[in-house]
Amino acid sequence: MANHASALSDVLDQSSALSGVLQRHGATWQIVHDAGVGVWTAVQRPTLTALHVICAHDLASLAVKLDATSDRGTG
């Protein structure tokens, strides 16, 4: 039973973190988690012929990379 409570706590923490990332970057980036591979991916299509992709092993790392990208502009 303790494992289930811990898993639920992890999901809630992850949901809160994901909500923050989506608030900051969800308007310009599509953010996806591939649980099978364990990778978070953010995809942006600024023009018809451009594709920006950022990958990270965890959501916190993806957030840092997205924040750095938005600080310098993505155009």
C-alpha atoms as a PDB file:
ATOM      1  CA  MET A   1       0.000   0.000   0.000  1.00  0.00           C
ATOM      2  CA  ALA A   2       2.875   2.387   0.709  1.00  0.00           C
ATOM      3  CA  ASN A   3       4.113   1.980  -2.877  1.00  0.00           C
ATOM      4  CA  HIS A   4       0.722   3.070  -4.203  1.00  0.00           C
ATOM      5  CA  ALA A   5       0.728   6.166  -1.990  1.00  0.00           C
ATOM      6  CA  SER A   6       4.251   7.015  -3.119  1.00  0.00           C
ATOM      7  CA  ALA A   7       3.307   6.515  -6.772  1.00  0.00           C
ATOM      8  CA  LEU A   8       0.258   8.752  -6.354  1.00  0.00           C
ATOM      9  CA  SER A   9       2.412  11.423  -4.711  1.00  0.00           C
ATOM     10  CA  ASP A  10       4.873  11.236  -7.624  1.00  0.00           C
ATOM     11  CA  VAL A  11       2.052  11.613 -10.159  1.00  0.00           C
ATOM     12  CA  LEU A  12       0.618  14.624  -8.324  1.00  0.00           C
ATOM     13  CA  ASP A  13       4.055  16.271  -8.103  1.00  0.00           C
ATOM     14  CA  GLN A  14       4.638  15.584 -11.797  1.00  0.00           C
ATOM     15  CA  SER A  15       1.194  16.974 -12.671  1.00  0.00           C
ATOM     16  CA  SER A  16       1.919  20.183 -10.798  1.00  0.00           C
ATOM     17  CA  ALA A  17       5.291  20.569 -12.523  1.00  0.00           C
ATOM     18  CA  LEU A  18       3.761  19.797 -15.917  1.00  0.00           C
ATOM     19  CA  SER A  19       1.059  22.378 -15.322  1.00  0.00           C
ATOM     20  CA  GLY A  20       3.737  25.025 -14.707  1.00  0.00           C
ATOM     21  CA  VAL A  21       5.670  24.076 -17.843  1.00  0.00           C
ATOM     22  CA  LEU A  22       2.484  24.142 -19.916  1.00  0.00           C
ATOM     23  CA  GLN A  23       1.553  27.568 -18.531  1.00  0.00           C
ATOM     24  CA  ARG A  24       4.943  28.985 -19.538  1.00  0.00           C
ATOM     25  CA  HIS A  25       5.487  27.180 -22.826  1.00  0.00           C
ATOM     26  CA  GLY A  26       2.295  25.402 -23.884  1.00  0.00           C
ATOM     27  CA  ALA A  27       1.195  28.170 -26.247  1.00  0.00           C
ATOM     28  CA  THR A  28       4.254  27.737 -28.476  1.00  0.00           C
ATOM     29  CA  TRP A  29       5.496  24.199 -27.756  1.00  0.00           C
ATOM     30  CA  GLN A  30       3.801  20.781 -27.928  1.00  0.00           C
ATOM     31  CA  ILE A  31       5.061  18.849 -24.897  1.00  0.00           C
ATOM     32  CA  VAL A  32       4.922  15.035 -24.831  1.00  0.00           C
ATOM     33  CA  HIS A  33       6.205  12.330 -22.492  1.00  0.00           C
ATOM     34  CA  ASP A  34       7.167   8.926 -23.899  1.00  0.00           C
ATOM     35  CA  ALA A  35       7.013   6.671 -20.853  1.00  0.00           C
ATOM     36  CA  GLY A  36       8.322   3.672 -22.790  1.00  0.00           C
ATOM     37  CA  VAL A  37      11.591   5.443 -23.543  1.00  0.00           C
ATOM     38  CA  GLY A  38      11.516   7.783 -20.544  1.00  0.00           C
ATOM     39  CA  VAL A  39      11.975  10.969 -22.552  1.00  0.00           C
ATOM     40  CA  TRP A  40      10.192  14.313 -22.512  1.00  0.00           C
ATOM     41  CA  THR A  41       9.989  16.080 -25.870  1.00  0.00           C
ATOM     42  CA  ALA A  42       8.957  19.608 -26.815  1.00  0.00           C
ATOM     43  CA  VAL A  43       8.191  20.370 -30.458  1.00  0.00           C
ATOM     44  CA  GLN A  44       7.694  23.784 -32.020  1.00  0.00           C
ATOM     45  CA  ARG A  45       6.831  24.564 -35.643  1.00  0.00           C
ATOM     46  CA  PRO A  46       7.571  28.288 -36.069  1.00  0.00           C
ATOM     47  CA  THR A  47       7.071  28.157 -39.862  1.00  0.00           C
ATOM     48  CA  LEU A  48       5.873  25.629 -42.410  1.00  0.00           C
ATOM     49  CA  THR A  49       9.435  24.464 -43.095  1.00  0.00           C
ATOM     50  CA  ALA A  50      11.010  24.780 -39.633  1.00  0.00           C
ATOM     51  CA  LEU A  51      10.892  22.266 -36.804  1.00  0.00           C
ATOM     52  CA  HIS A  52      12.437  22.797 -33.371  1.00  0.00           C
ATOM     53  CA  VAL A  53      12.793  19.784 -31.058  1.00  0.00           C
ATOM     54  CA  ILE A  54      14.066  19.710 -27.476  1.00  0.00           C
ATOM     55  CA  CYS A  55      14.443  16.438 -25.546  1.00  0.00           C
ATOM     56  CA  ALA A  56      15.246  15.703 -21.913  1.00  0.00           C
ATOM     57  CA  HIS A  57      15.242  12.721 -19.565  1.00  0.00           C
ATOM     58  CA  ASP A  58      13.045  14.460 -17.006  1.00  0.00           C
ATOM     59  CA  LEU A  59      10.501  17.257 -16.916  1.00  0.00           C
ATOM     60  CA  ALA A  60      12.679  19.572 -14.820  1.00  0.00           C
ATOM     61  CA  SER A  61      15.489  19.378 -17.387  1.00  0.00           C
ATOM     62  CA  LEU A  62      13.051  20.014 -20.219  1.00  0.00           C
ATOM     63  CA  ALA A  63      11.734  23.078 -18.387  1.00  0.00           C
ATOM     64  CA  VAL A  64      15.272  24.457 -17.979  1.00  0.00           C
ATOM     65  CA  LYS A  65      15.985  23.944 -21.685  1.00  0.00           C
ATOM     66  CA  LEU A  66      12.690  25.572 -22.694  1.00  0.00           C
ATOM     67  CA  ASP A  67      13.333  28.530 -20.389  1.00  0.00           C
ATOM     68  CA  ALA A  68      16.817  28.993 -21.903  1.00  0.00           C
ATOM     69  CA  THR A  69      15.382  28.810 -25.414  1.00  0.00           C
ATOM     70  CA  SER A  70      12.674  31.367 -24.708  1.00  0.00           C
ATOM     71  CA  ASP A  71      15.238  33.697 -23.104  1.00  0.00           C
ATOM     72  CA  ARG A  72      17.242  33.930 -26.332  1.00  0.00           C
ATOM     73  CA  GLY A  73      14.295  33.732 -28.734  1.00  0.00           C
ATOM     74  CA  THR A  74      13.320  30.956 -31.080  1.00  0.00           C
ATOM     75  CA  GLY A  75      12.895  32.791 -34.372  1.00  0.00           C
END
